[in-house]
Amino acid sequence: MTTPFNVQEFLPRRWFEAITAARVERPELVAQVAGGRRQRTRLTRNGRLTILAADHPGRMITRSGNDPFIMGNRWEYLGRIARIITDPTVDGLMATPEIIDDVFILEGLVREAGGPSFLDEKVLIGCMNRGGLANTAFELDDTFTAYSARALKERRLDGGKLMFRLNNDSYDAAKTVLYCADAVSALSREGLFAFLEPLPVQRTEKGWSIVMTPEALIPIVGVAQALGESSAYTWLKLPMVPEFDRVALSTTLPILALGGEAHGNPARLLGDIANVMKAGATVRGVLMGRNILFPGDGDPLTVAKAVAEVVAGAEPAEAPAAAPGMDFFTRL
């Protein structure tokens, strides 16, 4: 997993700059590509999902690992996203609207250059609430500042991701629970999936921190699964706390595991995922961002492919196979 990633090698700057040119000269390209994309007839192919998460900058989070601004470099960030989603291994992408639009534009440019579609039959999930900006006084009042259910339907996306963080002393957290309940109902009415992330949090010197115990998480799962007019289209996105088998028994809703902050140790990540996937039949995959996008010095696609294999039921490999060459864009 030590093959390095170089954004200039994979996504040359001319491709990155072509996205802005398209935004200036033909913004209608986004709607054209979205309207022509071939969607899946079913959400999963084997009952499991491996989804890449790319919504952190929208909440003012730019740090990954030891670099406080690495996710603030959009060329680097988008290059890593494209490295993963242009490969067929990962099921799809969850992101904020501007990243989804960037990806739609890239898809259009690739097709115009004679390349293959990389978005057909991918699961695309739009992030809905990013208003709880990191380290602000209103962080737990996580308003819906991105996609609405109607906009997701119009863009022909497959669902929406939403979250609430619950702290018993915060009235702002109670507001966000109500926002999420309304959004779950709206998504259900549109026949779109809700990927709901409920998190128990506590205040620390570094800000709000997830309480990583089953005793804290299980009651929050009870709240989350009861939100909205129907739970028929609701999936849960949950942190990999210890004794996850207890969490898996707290719901019949399908669960995707989240990765949290990047720690740069892919072997540890794969081991954690393997353990969670064995916790119960409700655990159906992962929806992870930084630990896949920024896996230390390694190639994010190598880690993404290894994660997808573990989600599919394989044991973590001691030395995962190297990912394909970085010529997807340069050969066009």
C-alpha atoms as a PDB file:
ATOM      1  CA  MET A   1       0.000   0.000   0.000  1.00  0.00           C
ATOM      2  CA  THR A   2       2.990   2.328  -0.346  1.00  0.00           C
ATOM      3  CA  THR A   3       2.489   3.200  -4.035  1.00  0.00           C
ATOM      4  CA  PRO A   4       2.445   7.018  -3.928  1.00  0.00           C
ATOM      5  CA  PHE A   5      -0.308   9.151  -5.416  1.00  0.00           C
ATOM      6  CA  ASN A   6       0.585  12.163  -7.530  1.00  0.00           C
ATOM      7  CA  VAL A   7      -2.339  14.323  -8.586  1.00  0.00           C
ATOM      8  CA  GLN A   8      -0.454  15.829 -11.541  1.00  0.00           C
ATOM      9  CA  GLU A   9       0.233  12.350 -12.877  1.00  0.00           C
ATOM     10  CA  PHE A  10      -3.367  11.169 -12.534  1.00  0.00           C
ATOM     11  CA  LEU A  11      -5.420  14.327 -13.144  1.00  0.00           C
ATOM     12  CA  PRO A  12      -3.211  16.787 -15.074  1.00  0.00           C
ATOM     13  CA  ARG A  13      -3.846  20.433 -14.315  1.00  0.00           C
ATOM     14  CA  ARG A  14      -5.353  21.036 -17.749  1.00  0.00           C
ATOM     15  CA  TRP A  15      -8.194  18.664 -16.816  1.00  0.00           C
ATOM     16  CA  PHE A  16      -8.711  20.415 -13.492  1.00  0.00           C
ATOM     17  CA  GLU A  17      -8.783  23.823 -15.171  1.00  0.00           C
ATOM     18  CA  ALA A  18     -11.158  22.518 -17.853  1.00  0.00           C
ATOM     19  CA  ILE A  19     -13.784  22.081 -15.123  1.00  0.00           C
ATOM     20  CA  THR A  20     -13.775  25.819 -14.416  1.00  0.00           C
ATOM     21  CA  ALA A  21     -13.828  26.565 -18.135  1.00  0.00           C
ATOM     22  CA  ALA A  22     -16.948  24.425 -18.485  1.00  0.00           C
ATOM     23  CA  ARG A  23     -18.573  26.182 -15.542  1.00  0.00           C
ATOM     24  CA  VAL A  24     -17.940  29.543 -17.246  1.00  0.00           C
ATOM     25  CA  GLU A  25     -18.763  28.636 -20.845  1.00  0.00           C
ATOM     26  CA  ARG A  26     -21.458  25.953 -20.564  1.00  0.00           C
ATOM     27  CA  PRO A  27     -22.892  25.444 -17.083  1.00  0.00           C
ATOM     28  CA  GLU A  28     -25.727  23.455 -18.662  1.00  0.00           C
ATOM     29  CA  LEU A  29     -23.283  20.529 -19.008  1.00  0.00           C
ATOM     30  CA  VAL A  30     -24.040  19.514 -15.404  1.00  0.00           C
ATOM     31  CA  ALA A  31     -27.740  18.998 -16.061  1.00  0.00           C
ATOM     32  CA  GLN A  32     -27.054  17.309 -19.390  1.00  0.00           C
ATOM     33  CA  VAL A  33     -24.736  14.723 -17.861  1.00  0.00           C
ATOM     34  CA  ALA A  34     -27.000  14.172 -14.847  1.00  0.00           C
ATOM     35  CA  GLY A  35     -30.003  13.660 -17.107  1.00  0.00           C
ATOM     36  CA  GLY A  36     -28.224  11.154 -19.332  1.00  0.00           C
ATOM     37  CA  ARG A  37     -26.654   9.047 -16.608  1.00  0.00           C
ATOM     38  CA  ARG A  38     -27.727   5.407 -16.447  1.00  0.00           C
ATOM     39  CA  GLN A  39     -28.839   4.582 -12.904  1.00  0.00           C
ATOM     40  CA  ARG A  40     -28.949   1.244 -11.157  1.00  0.00           C
ATOM     41  CA  THR A  41     -32.264  -0.538 -11.059  1.00  0.00           C
ATOM     42  CA  ARG A  42     -31.472  -1.655  -7.476  1.00  0.00           C
ATOM     43  CA  LEU A  43     -29.372   0.154  -4.880  1.00  0.00           C
ATOM     44  CA  THR A  44     -27.034  -2.791  -4.242  1.00  0.00           C
ATOM     45  CA  ARG A  45     -25.753  -5.581  -6.436  1.00  0.00           C
ATOM     46  CA  ASN A  46     -24.975  -8.068  -3.679  1.00  0.00           C
ATOM     47  CA  GLY A  47     -26.733  -6.565  -0.669  1.00  0.00           C
ATOM     48  CA  ARG A  48     -23.642  -4.550   0.287  1.00  0.00           C
ATOM     49  CA  LEU A  49     -22.247  -1.095  -0.482  1.00  0.00           C
ATOM     50  CA  THR A  50     -18.855   0.581  -0.506  1.00  0.00           C
ATOM     51  CA  ILE A  51     -19.405   4.327  -0.841  1.00  0.00           C
ATOM     52  CA  LEU A  52     -16.768   7.079  -0.844  1.00  0.00           C
ATOM     53  CA  ALA A  53     -17.622  10.118   1.324  1.00  0.00           C
ATOM     54  CA  ALA A  54     -16.443  13.558   0.170  1.00  0.00           C
ATOM     55  CA  ASP A  55     -18.410  16.214   2.041  1.00  0.00           C
ATOM     56  CA  HIS A  56     -16.019  17.458   4.721  1.00  0.00           C
ATOM     57  CA  PRO A  57     -14.877  20.813   3.232  1.00  0.00           C
ATOM     58  CA  GLY A  58     -18.519  21.911   3.127  1.00  0.00           C
ATOM     59  CA  ARG A  59     -18.494  21.946   6.941  1.00  0.00           C
ATOM     60  CA  MET A  60     -15.192  23.873   7.093  1.00  0.00           C
ATOM     61  CA  ILE A  61     -13.095  20.760   7.699  1.00  0.00           C
ATOM     62  CA  THR A  62      -9.859  20.856   5.701  1.00  0.00           C
ATOM     63  CA  ARG A  63      -7.495  18.803   7.858  1.00  0.00           C
ATOM     64  CA  SER A  64      -6.532  15.210   7.203  1.00  0.00           C
ATOM     65  CA  GLY A  65      -3.683  13.621   9.127  1.00  0.00           C
ATOM     66  CA  ASN A  66      -0.972  16.163   9.883  1.00  0.00           C
ATOM     67  CA  ASP A  67      -1.885  18.564   7.082  1.00  0.00           C
ATOM     68  CA  PRO A  68      -4.398  21.199   8.255  1.00  0.00           C
ATOM     69  CA  PHE A  69      -5.359  22.298   4.720  1.00  0.00           C
ATOM     70  CA  ILE A  70      -4.965  19.248   2.464  1.00  0.00           C
ATOM     71  CA  MET A  71      -8.729  19.000   1.836  1.00  0.00           C
ATOM     72  CA  GLY A  72      -8.748  22.725   1.059  1.00  0.00           C
ATOM     73  CA  ASN A  73      -6.698  22.043  -2.079  1.00  0.00           C
ATOM     74  CA  ARG A  74      -9.514  21.224  -4.494  1.00  0.00           C
ATOM     75  CA  TRP A  75      -7.174  19.891  -7.188  1.00  0.00           C
ATOM     76  CA  GLU A  76      -5.684  17.369  -4.739  1.00  0.00           C
ATOM     77  CA  TYR A  77      -9.050  16.538  -3.215  1.00  0.00           C
ATOM     78  CA  LEU A  78     -10.885  16.100  -6.506  1.00  0.00           C
ATOM     79  CA  GLY A  79      -7.985  14.154  -8.007  1.00  0.00           C
ATOM     80  CA  ARG A  80      -8.186  11.599  -5.211  1.00  0.00           C
ATOM     81  CA  ILE A  81     -11.968  11.367  -5.554  1.00  0.00           C
ATOM     82  CA  ALA A  82     -11.636  10.822  -9.304  1.00  0.00           C
ATOM     83  CA  ARG A  83      -8.905   8.213  -8.788  1.00  0.00           C
ATOM     84  CA  ILE A  84     -11.416   6.101  -6.863  1.00  0.00           C
ATOM     85  CA  ILE A  85     -14.691   6.656  -8.681  1.00  0.00           C
ATOM     86  CA  THR A  86     -13.267   6.146 -12.177  1.00  0.00           C
ATOM     87  CA  ASP A  87     -12.585   2.561 -11.110  1.00  0.00           C
ATOM     88  CA  PRO A  88     -15.513   0.093 -11.133  1.00  0.00           C
ATOM     89  CA  THR A  89     -14.701  -1.389  -7.715  1.00  0.00           C
ATOM     90  CA  VAL A  90     -16.345   1.210  -5.468  1.00  0.00           C
ATOM     91  CA  ASP A  91     -20.147   1.452  -5.658  1.00  0.00           C
ATOM     92  CA  GLY A  92     -20.437   5.198  -5.571  1.00  0.00           C
ATOM     93  CA  LEU A  93     -19.896   8.636  -4.091  1.00  0.00           C
ATOM     94  CA  MET A  94     -21.516  10.787  -1.411  1.00  0.00           C
ATOM     95  CA  ALA A  95     -20.678  14.485  -1.676  1.00  0.00           C
ATOM     96  CA  THR A  96     -21.873  18.074  -1.502  1.00  0.00           C
ATOM     97  CA  PRO A  97     -23.426  19.674  -4.613  1.00  0.00           C
ATOM     98  CA  GLU A  98     -20.315  21.384  -5.974  1.00  0.00           C
ATOM     99  CA  ILE A  99     -18.307  18.153  -5.871  1.00  0.00           C
ATOM    100  CA  ILE A 100     -21.111  16.201  -7.515  1.00  0.00           C
ATOM    101  CA  ASP A 101     -21.222  18.930 -10.178  1.00  0.00           C
ATOM    102  CA  ASP A 102     -17.430  18.735 -10.650  1.00  0.00           C
ATOM    103  CA  VAL A 103     -17.756  14.997 -11.150  1.00  0.00           C
ATOM    104  CA  PHE A 104     -20.599  15.434 -13.632  1.00  0.00           C
ATOM    105  CA  ILE A 105     -18.459  17.895 -15.605  1.00  0.00           C
ATOM    106  CA  LEU A 106     -15.507  15.496 -15.572  1.00  0.00           C
ATOM    107  CA  GLU A 107     -17.792  12.742 -16.838  1.00  0.00           C
ATOM    108  CA  GLY A 108     -18.942  14.993 -19.671  1.00  0.00           C
ATOM    109  CA  LEU A 109     -15.385  15.960 -20.618  1.00  0.00           C
ATOM    110  CA  VAL A 110     -14.252  12.331 -20.587  1.00  0.00           C
ATOM    111  CA  ARG A 111     -17.118  11.269 -22.832  1.00  0.00           C
ATOM    112  CA  GLU A 112     -16.383  14.123 -25.244  1.00  0.00           C
ATOM    113  CA  ALA A 113     -12.748  12.986 -25.402  1.00  0.00           C
ATOM    114  CA  GLY A 114     -13.877   9.507 -26.427  1.00  0.00           C
ATOM    115  CA  GLY A 115     -13.477   7.915 -23.014  1.00  0.00           C
ATOM    116  CA  PRO A 116     -15.830   5.574 -21.153  1.00  0.00           C
ATOM    117  CA  SER A 117     -18.521   6.614 -18.723  1.00  0.00           C
ATOM    118  CA  PHE A 118     -17.445   6.168 -15.123  1.00  0.00           C
ATOM    119  CA  LEU A 119     -20.742   7.324 -13.547  1.00  0.00           C
ATOM    120  CA  ASP A 120     -23.191   4.941 -15.214  1.00  0.00           C
ATOM    121  CA  GLU A 121     -24.719   2.703 -12.517  1.00  0.00           C
ATOM    122  CA  LYS A 122     -22.751   4.365  -9.741  1.00  0.00           C
ATOM    123  CA  VAL A 123     -24.660   5.157  -6.555  1.00  0.00           C
ATOM    124  CA  LEU A 124     -24.623   8.946  -6.142  1.00  0.00           C
ATOM    125  CA  ILE A 125     -25.719  10.387  -2.805  1.00  0.00           C
ATOM    126  CA  GLY A 126     -26.064  14.105  -2.170  1.00  0.00           C
ATOM    127  CA  CYS A 127     -25.122  15.601   1.182  1.00  0.00           C
ATOM    128  CA  MET A 128     -28.028  17.654   2.552  1.00  0.00           C
ATOM    129  CA  ASN A 129     -26.986  19.405   5.786  1.00  0.00           C
ATOM    130  CA  ARG A 130     -23.617  21.098   6.228  1.00  0.00           C
ATOM    131  CA  GLY A 131     -24.707  24.213   8.094  1.00  0.00           C
ATOM    132  CA  GLY A 132     -23.187  23.098  11.406  1.00  0.00           C
ATOM    133  CA  LEU A 133     -19.780  24.556  10.604  1.00  0.00           C
ATOM    134  CA  ALA A 134     -16.892  23.057  12.554  1.00  0.00           C
ATOM    135  CA  ASN A 135     -15.811  24.884  15.714  1.00  0.00           C
ATOM    136  CA  THR A 136     -18.580  27.491  15.584  1.00  0.00           C
ATOM    137  CA  ALA A 137     -21.038  28.374  18.339  1.00  0.00           C
ATOM    138  CA  PHE A 138     -23.864  26.983  16.174  1.00  0.00           C
ATOM    139  CA  GLU A 139     -22.168  23.726  15.177  1.00  0.00           C
ATOM    140  CA  LEU A 140     -24.930  21.444  16.506  1.00  0.00           C
ATOM    141  CA  ASP A 141     -27.618  23.497  14.730  1.00  0.00           C
ATOM    142  CA  ASP A 142     -26.767  21.603  11.539  1.00  0.00           C
ATOM    143  CA  THR A 143     -29.055  23.326   9.050  1.00  0.00           C
ATOM    144  CA  PHE A 144     -29.833  22.004   5.579  1.00  0.00           C
ATOM    145  CA  THR A 145     -27.669  24.181   3.341  1.00  0.00           C
ATOM    146  CA  ALA A 146     -27.085  21.793   0.419  1.00  0.00           C
ATOM    147  CA  TYR A 147     -29.428  19.448  -1.464  1.00  0.00           C
ATOM    148  CA  SER A 148     -33.156  19.262  -0.899  1.00  0.00           C
ATOM    149  CA  ALA A 149     -35.120  16.090  -1.632  1.00  0.00           C
ATOM    150  CA  ARG A 150     -36.591  17.745  -4.730  1.00  0.00           C
ATOM    151  CA  ALA A 151     -33.166  18.757  -6.040  1.00  0.00           C
ATOM    152  CA  LEU A 152     -31.843  15.231  -5.523  1.00  0.00           C
ATOM    153  CA  LYS A 153     -34.745  13.891  -7.560  1.00  0.00           C
ATOM    154  CA  GLU A 154     -34.203  16.452 -10.320  1.00  0.00           C
ATOM    155  CA  ARG A 155     -30.499  15.586 -10.559  1.00  0.00           C
ATOM    156  CA  ARG A 156     -31.395  11.883 -10.671  1.00  0.00           C
ATOM    157  CA  LEU A 157     -29.284  11.057  -7.631  1.00  0.00           C
ATOM    158  CA  ASP A 158     -30.002   7.941  -5.602  1.00  0.00           C
ATOM    159  CA  GLY A 159     -30.430   9.408  -2.142  1.00  0.00           C
ATOM    160  CA  GLY A 160     -29.447  11.993   0.432  1.00  0.00           C
ATOM    161  CA  LYS A 161     -27.076  11.907   3.378  1.00  0.00           C
ATOM    162  CA  LEU A 162     -28.048  13.737   6.560  1.00  0.00           C
ATOM    163  CA  MET A 163     -26.786  13.799  10.109  1.00  0.00           C
ATOM    164  CA  PHE A 164     -27.513  14.942  13.618  1.00  0.00           C
ATOM    165  CA  ARG A 165     -25.221  15.069  16.613  1.00  0.00           C
ATOM    166  CA  LEU A 166     -26.992  14.708  19.924  1.00  0.00           C
ATOM    167  CA  ASN A 167     -25.854  16.236  23.189  1.00  0.00           C
ATOM    168  CA  ASN A 168     -28.328  16.271  26.058  1.00  0.00           C
ATOM    169  CA  ASP A 169     -27.486  19.867  27.002  1.00  0.00           C
ATOM    170  CA  SER A 170     -27.902  21.373  23.534  1.00  0.00           C
ATOM    171  CA  TYR A 171     -31.165  22.844  22.226  1.00  0.00           C
ATOM    172  CA  ASP A 172     -29.437  23.243  18.843  1.00  0.00           C
ATOM    173  CA  ALA A 173     -29.147  19.462  18.615  1.00  0.00           C
ATOM    174  CA  ALA A 174     -32.915  19.157  19.105  1.00  0.00           C
ATOM    175  CA  LYS A 175     -33.488  21.509  16.149  1.00  0.00           C
ATOM    176  CA  THR A 176     -31.331  19.318  13.911  1.00  0.00           C
ATOM    177  CA  VAL A 177     -33.272  16.194  14.908  1.00  0.00           C
ATOM    178  CA  LEU A 178     -36.411  17.928  13.630  1.00  0.00           C
ATOM    179  CA  TYR A 179     -34.689  18.966  10.388  1.00  0.00           C
ATOM    180  CA  CYS A 180     -33.648  15.346   9.839  1.00  0.00           C
ATOM    181  CA  ALA A 181     -37.138  14.012  10.536  1.00  0.00           C
ATOM    182  CA  ASP A 182     -38.574  16.340   7.885  1.00  0.00           C
ATOM    183  CA  ALA A 183     -35.861  15.353   5.394  1.00  0.00           C
ATOM    184  CA  VAL A 184     -36.390  11.614   5.922  1.00  0.00           C
ATOM    185  CA  SER A 185     -40.086  12.128   5.169  1.00  0.00           C
ATOM    186  CA  ALA A 186     -39.356  14.218   2.064  1.00  0.00           C
ATOM    187  CA  LEU A 187     -36.873  11.673   0.714  1.00  0.00           C
ATOM    188  CA  SER A 188     -39.284   8.807   1.332  1.00  0.00           C
ATOM    189  CA  ARG A 189     -42.035  10.604  -0.583  1.00  0.00           C
ATOM    190  CA  GLU A 190     -39.657  10.937  -3.555  1.00  0.00           C
ATOM    191  CA  GLY A 191     -38.658   7.261  -3.370  1.00  0.00           C
ATOM    192  CA  LEU A 192     -35.082   8.255  -2.502  1.00  0.00           C
ATOM    193  CA  PHE A 193     -32.851   6.660   0.117  1.00  0.00           C
ATOM    194  CA  ALA A 194     -31.938   8.500   3.320  1.00  0.00           C
ATOM    195  CA  PHE A 195     -28.484   7.757   4.702  1.00  0.00           C
ATOM    196  CA  LEU A 196     -28.847   9.060   8.248  1.00  0.00           C
ATOM    197  CA  GLU A 197     -25.833   9.557  10.517  1.00  0.00           C
ATOM    198  CA  PRO A 198     -26.774   9.896  14.217  1.00  0.00           C
ATOM    199  CA  LEU A 199     -23.886  10.634  16.574  1.00  0.00           C
ATOM    200  CA  PRO A 200     -23.709  10.979  20.368  1.00  0.00           C
ATOM    201  CA  VAL A 201     -21.233  13.772  21.133  1.00  0.00           C
ATOM    202  CA  GLN A 202     -19.565  15.442  24.074  1.00  0.00           C
ATOM    203  CA  ARG A 203     -17.699  18.735  24.388  1.00  0.00           C
ATOM    204  CA  THR A 204     -13.907  18.467  24.715  1.00  0.00           C
ATOM    205  CA  GLU A 205     -11.023  20.941  24.574  1.00  0.00           C
ATOM    206  CA  LYS A 206     -10.780  20.257  20.813  1.00  0.00           C
ATOM    207  CA  GLY A 207     -14.497  20.679  20.167  1.00  0.00           C
ATOM    208  CA  TRP A 208     -17.343  18.195  19.809  1.00  0.00           C
ATOM    209  CA  SER A 209     -16.184  14.593  19.926  1.00  0.00           C
ATOM    210  CA  ILE A 210     -18.102  11.359  19.240  1.00  0.00           C
ATOM    211  CA  VAL A 211     -18.717   9.212  22.320  1.00  0.00           C
ATOM    212  CA  MET A 212     -17.354   5.890  21.065  1.00  0.00           C
ATOM    213  CA  THR A 213     -19.274   3.433  23.238  1.00  0.00           C
ATOM    214  CA  PRO A 214     -22.203   1.139  22.460  1.00  0.00           C
ATOM    215  CA  GLU A 215     -23.976   2.483  25.561  1.00  0.00           C
ATOM    216  CA  ALA A 216     -23.984   5.972  24.029  1.00  0.00           C
ATOM    217  CA  LEU A 217     -24.713   4.919  20.446  1.00  0.00           C
ATOM    218  CA  ILE A 218     -27.538   2.409  20.908  1.00  0.00           C
ATOM    219  CA  PRO A 219     -30.069   4.912  22.349  1.00  0.00           C
ATOM    220  CA  ILE A 220     -29.257   7.342  19.506  1.00  0.00           C
ATOM    221  CA  VAL A 221     -29.933   4.591  16.969  1.00  0.00           C
ATOM    222  CA  GLY A 222     -33.352   4.214  18.584  1.00  0.00           C
ATOM    223  CA  VAL A 223     -34.047   7.910  18.003  1.00  0.00           C
ATOM    224  CA  ALA A 224     -32.731   7.882  14.422  1.00  0.00           C
ATOM    225  CA  GLN A 225     -34.692   4.902  13.162  1.00  0.00           C
ATOM    226  CA  ALA A 226     -37.956   6.419  14.431  1.00  0.00           C
ATOM    227  CA  LEU A 227     -37.566   9.683  12.483  1.00  0.00           C
ATOM    228  CA  GLY A 228     -39.840  10.569   9.585  1.00  0.00           C
ATOM    229  CA  GLU A 229     -43.105   9.281   8.187  1.00  0.00           C
ATOM    230  CA  SER A 230     -41.529   6.040   6.943  1.00  0.00           C
ATOM    231  CA  SER A 231     -38.280   4.154   7.490  1.00  0.00           C
ATOM    232  CA  ALA A 232     -38.667   2.100   4.303  1.00  0.00           C
ATOM    233  CA  TYR A 233     -35.858   3.956   2.512  1.00  0.00           C
ATOM    234  CA  THR A 234     -33.642   4.722   5.539  1.00  0.00           C
ATOM    235  CA  TRP A 235     -30.106   3.422   6.009  1.00  0.00           C
ATOM    236  CA  LEU A 236     -27.972   4.287   9.034  1.00  0.00           C
ATOM    237  CA  LYS A 237     -24.353   5.495   8.957  1.00  0.00           C
ATOM    238  CA  LEU A 238     -22.670   4.647  12.261  1.00  0.00           C
ATOM    239  CA  PRO A 239     -19.186   4.857  13.831  1.00  0.00           C
ATOM    240  CA  MET A 240     -17.261   1.622  14.467  1.00  0.00           C
ATOM    241  CA  VAL A 241     -17.562   1.527  18.259  1.00  0.00           C
ATOM    242  CA  PRO A 242     -16.406  -1.483  20.331  1.00  0.00           C
ATOM    243  CA  GLU A 243     -18.883  -4.357  20.773  1.00  0.00           C
ATOM    244  CA  PHE A 244     -20.526  -3.447  17.490  1.00  0.00           C
ATOM    245  CA  ASP A 245     -22.586  -6.636  17.583  1.00  0.00           C
ATOM    246  CA  ARG A 246     -24.729  -4.948  20.244  1.00  0.00           C
ATOM    247  CA  VAL A 247     -25.269  -1.967  17.945  1.00  0.00           C
ATOM    248  CA  ALA A 248     -26.117  -4.264  15.033  1.00  0.00           C
ATOM    249  CA  LEU A 249     -28.899  -5.805  17.137  1.00  0.00           C
ATOM    250  CA  SER A 250     -30.461  -2.428  17.945  1.00  0.00           C
ATOM    251  CA  THR A 251     -32.140  -2.023  14.537  1.00  0.00           C
ATOM    252  CA  THR A 252     -33.435  -3.803  11.458  1.00  0.00           C
ATOM    253  CA  LEU A 253     -32.318  -0.901   9.255  1.00  0.00           C
ATOM    254  CA  PRO A 254     -29.234  -1.529   7.098  1.00  0.00           C
ATOM    255  CA  ILE A 255     -26.029  -0.034   8.504  1.00  0.00           C
ATOM    256  CA  LEU A 256     -23.006   1.481   6.769  1.00  0.00           C
ATOM    257  CA  ALA A 257     -19.895   2.015   8.907  1.00  0.00           C
ATOM    258  CA  LEU A 258     -18.097   5.359   8.905  1.00  0.00           C
ATOM    259  CA  GLY A 259     -14.360   5.771   9.271  1.00  0.00           C
ATOM    260  CA  GLY A 260     -13.886   9.004  11.179  1.00  0.00           C
ATOM    261  CA  GLU A 261     -10.657  10.984  11.091  1.00  0.00           C
ATOM    262  CA  ALA A 262      -7.813   9.605   8.970  1.00  0.00           C
ATOM    263  CA  HIS A 263      -5.153   7.776  10.946  1.00  0.00           C
ATOM    264  CA  GLY A 264      -2.945   6.762   8.001  1.00  0.00           C
ATOM    265  CA  ASN A 265      -2.956   3.049   8.870  1.00  0.00           C
ATOM    266  CA  PRO A 266      -4.765   1.073   6.137  1.00  0.00           C
ATOM    267  CA  ALA A 267      -4.065  -2.285   7.806  1.00  0.00           C
ATOM    268  CA  ARG A 268      -5.823  -1.140  10.971  1.00  0.00           C
ATOM    269  CA  LEU A 269      -8.711   0.232   8.908  1.00  0.00           C
ATOM    270  CA  LEU A 270      -9.206  -3.054   7.060  1.00  0.00           C
ATOM    271  CA  GLY A 271      -9.118  -5.005  10.324  1.00  0.00           C
ATOM    272  CA  ASP A 272     -11.728  -2.730  11.885  1.00  0.00           C
ATOM    273  CA  ILE A 273     -13.992  -3.072   8.849  1.00  0.00           C
ATOM    274  CA  ALA A 274     -13.637  -6.868   8.829  1.00  0.00           C
ATOM    275  CA  ASN A 275     -14.694  -7.021  12.482  1.00  0.00           C
ATOM    276  CA  VAL A 276     -17.692  -4.740  11.956  1.00  0.00           C
ATOM    277  CA  MET A 277     -18.861  -6.671   8.883  1.00  0.00           C
ATOM    278  CA  LYS A 278     -19.081  -9.790  11.069  1.00  0.00           C
ATOM    279  CA  ALA A 279     -21.167  -8.034  13.749  1.00  0.00           C
ATOM    280  CA  GLY A 280     -24.568  -8.899  12.309  1.00  0.00           C
ATOM    281  CA  ALA A 281     -26.822  -9.103   9.264  1.00  0.00           C
ATOM    282  CA  THR A 282     -27.776  -5.417   9.541  1.00  0.00           C
ATOM    283  CA  VAL A 283     -24.213  -4.331   8.700  1.00  0.00           C
ATOM    284  CA  ARG A 284     -24.141  -3.847   4.936  1.00  0.00           C
ATOM    285  CA  GLY A 285     -20.978  -1.947   4.097  1.00  0.00           C
ATOM    286  CA  VAL A 286     -19.116   1.321   4.560  1.00  0.00           C
ATOM    287  CA  LEU A 287     -19.513   5.002   3.751  1.00  0.00           C
ATOM    288  CA  MET A 288     -16.011   6.369   4.369  1.00  0.00           C
ATOM    289  CA  GLY A 289     -13.966   9.376   3.353  1.00  0.00           C
ATOM    290  CA  ARG A 290     -10.676  10.519   4.813  1.00  0.00           C
ATOM    291  CA  ASN A 291      -9.288   7.095   5.733  1.00  0.00           C
ATOM    292  CA  ILE A 292      -9.655   6.058   2.080  1.00  0.00           C
ATOM    293  CA  LEU A 293      -8.836   9.357   0.394  1.00  0.00           C
ATOM    294  CA  PHE A 294      -5.731  10.043   2.496  1.00  0.00           C
ATOM    295  CA  PRO A 295      -4.238   6.647   3.470  1.00  0.00           C
ATOM    296  CA  GLY A 296      -0.831   7.912   4.539  1.00  0.00           C
ATOM    297  CA  ASP A 297       1.546   7.972   1.563  1.00  0.00           C
ATOM    298  CA  GLY A 298      -0.341   5.312  -0.394  1.00  0.00           C
ATOM    299  CA  ASP A 299      -2.585   5.290  -3.428  1.00  0.00           C
ATOM    300  CA  PRO A 300      -6.221   5.876  -2.359  1.00  0.00           C
ATOM    301  CA  LEU A 301      -7.500   3.445  -4.997  1.00  0.00           C
ATOM    302  CA  THR A 302      -5.402   0.611  -3.582  1.00  0.00           C
ATOM    303  CA  VAL A 303      -7.045   1.154  -0.197  1.00  0.00           C
ATOM    304  CA  ALA A 304     -10.509   1.593  -1.722  1.00  0.00           C
ATOM    305  CA  LYS A 305     -10.232  -1.718  -3.593  1.00  0.00           C
ATOM    306  CA  ALA A 306      -9.033  -3.489  -0.452  1.00  0.00           C
ATOM    307  CA  VAL A 307     -11.938  -2.030   1.538  1.00  0.00           C
ATOM    308  CA  ALA A 308     -14.430  -3.168  -1.105  1.00  0.00           C
ATOM    309  CA  GLU A 309     -13.020  -6.707  -0.968  1.00  0.00           C
ATOM    310  CA  VAL A 310     -13.439  -6.845   2.816  1.00  0.00           C
ATOM    311  CA  VAL A 311     -16.988  -5.496   2.540  1.00  0.00           C
ATOM    312  CA  ALA A 312     -17.698  -8.269   0.023  1.00  0.00           C
ATOM    313  CA  GLY A 313     -16.588 -10.859   2.577  1.00  0.00           C
ATOM    314  CA  ALA A 314     -12.865 -11.360   2.021  1.00  0.00           C
ATOM    315  CA  GLU A 315     -10.355 -11.420   4.844  1.00  0.00           C
ATOM    316  CA  PRO A 316      -7.972  -8.436   4.865  1.00  0.00           C
ATOM    317  CA  ALA A 317      -4.992  -9.184   2.638  1.00  0.00           C
ATOM    318  CA  GLU A 318      -1.517  -8.736   4.081  1.00  0.00           C
ATOM    319  CA  ALA A 319      -0.383  -7.108   0.853  1.00  0.00           C
ATOM    320  CA  PRO A 320      -3.319  -5.899  -1.281  1.00  0.00           C
ATOM    321  CA  ALA A 321      -2.735  -5.889  -5.008  1.00  0.00           C
ATOM    322  CA  ALA A 322      -1.579  -2.654  -6.576  1.00  0.00           C
ATOM    323  CA  ALA A 323      -4.246  -0.580  -8.296  1.00  0.00           C
ATOM    324  CA  PRO A 324      -4.285  -0.023 -12.077  1.00  0.00           C
ATOM    325  CA  GLY A 325      -2.016   2.586 -13.637  1.00  0.00           C
ATOM    326  CA  MET A 326      -2.725   6.312 -13.287  1.00  0.00           C
ATOM    327  CA  ASP A 327      -3.399   6.979 -16.973  1.00  0.00           C
ATOM    328  CA  PHE A 328      -7.200   7.207 -16.990  1.00  0.00           C
ATOM    329  CA  PHE A 329      -7.131  10.876 -18.046  1.00  0.00           C
ATOM    330  CA  THR A 330      -3.737  11.098 -19.733  1.00  0.00           C
ATOM    331  CA  ARG A 331      -4.560   8.400 -22.289  1.00  0.00           C
ATOM    332  CA  LEU A 332      -7.561  10.353 -23.579  1.00  0.00           C
END
